Amino acid sequence: MGAECGDYVSRIYELLDGELDDAGRAKLQAHLDECPPCLDEYELDRILKALVQRSCACEQAPDTLRTQILHRITSVRVTQVTQVNVQET
């Protein structure tokens, strides 16, 4: 994996979840087409997501767990955006 791969790998789940805009999706897909290690990571994450979805489809998480997970996701995203903004300045 190259030095820039970390940025791409960190966005794989956004691609899998359909959260990237067209430009972001095209950029990530172009990188995956050229970088076998990142493509391997993408395939592993895709398989893992499908397995979790299939295994947990019949069960719903308790409301408290869902709230904790959503809070954690928001916290991680805010931290990542803040770090990126600080690095850019």
Foldseek 3Di string as FASTA:
>chain_A
DDPCLVVLLVCLVCLVVVNDDPVNNVVSVVVLVVDVVSVVSSVVVNVVVVVCCVVCVVDDDDPVVVVVVVVVVVVVVVVVVVVVVVVVD
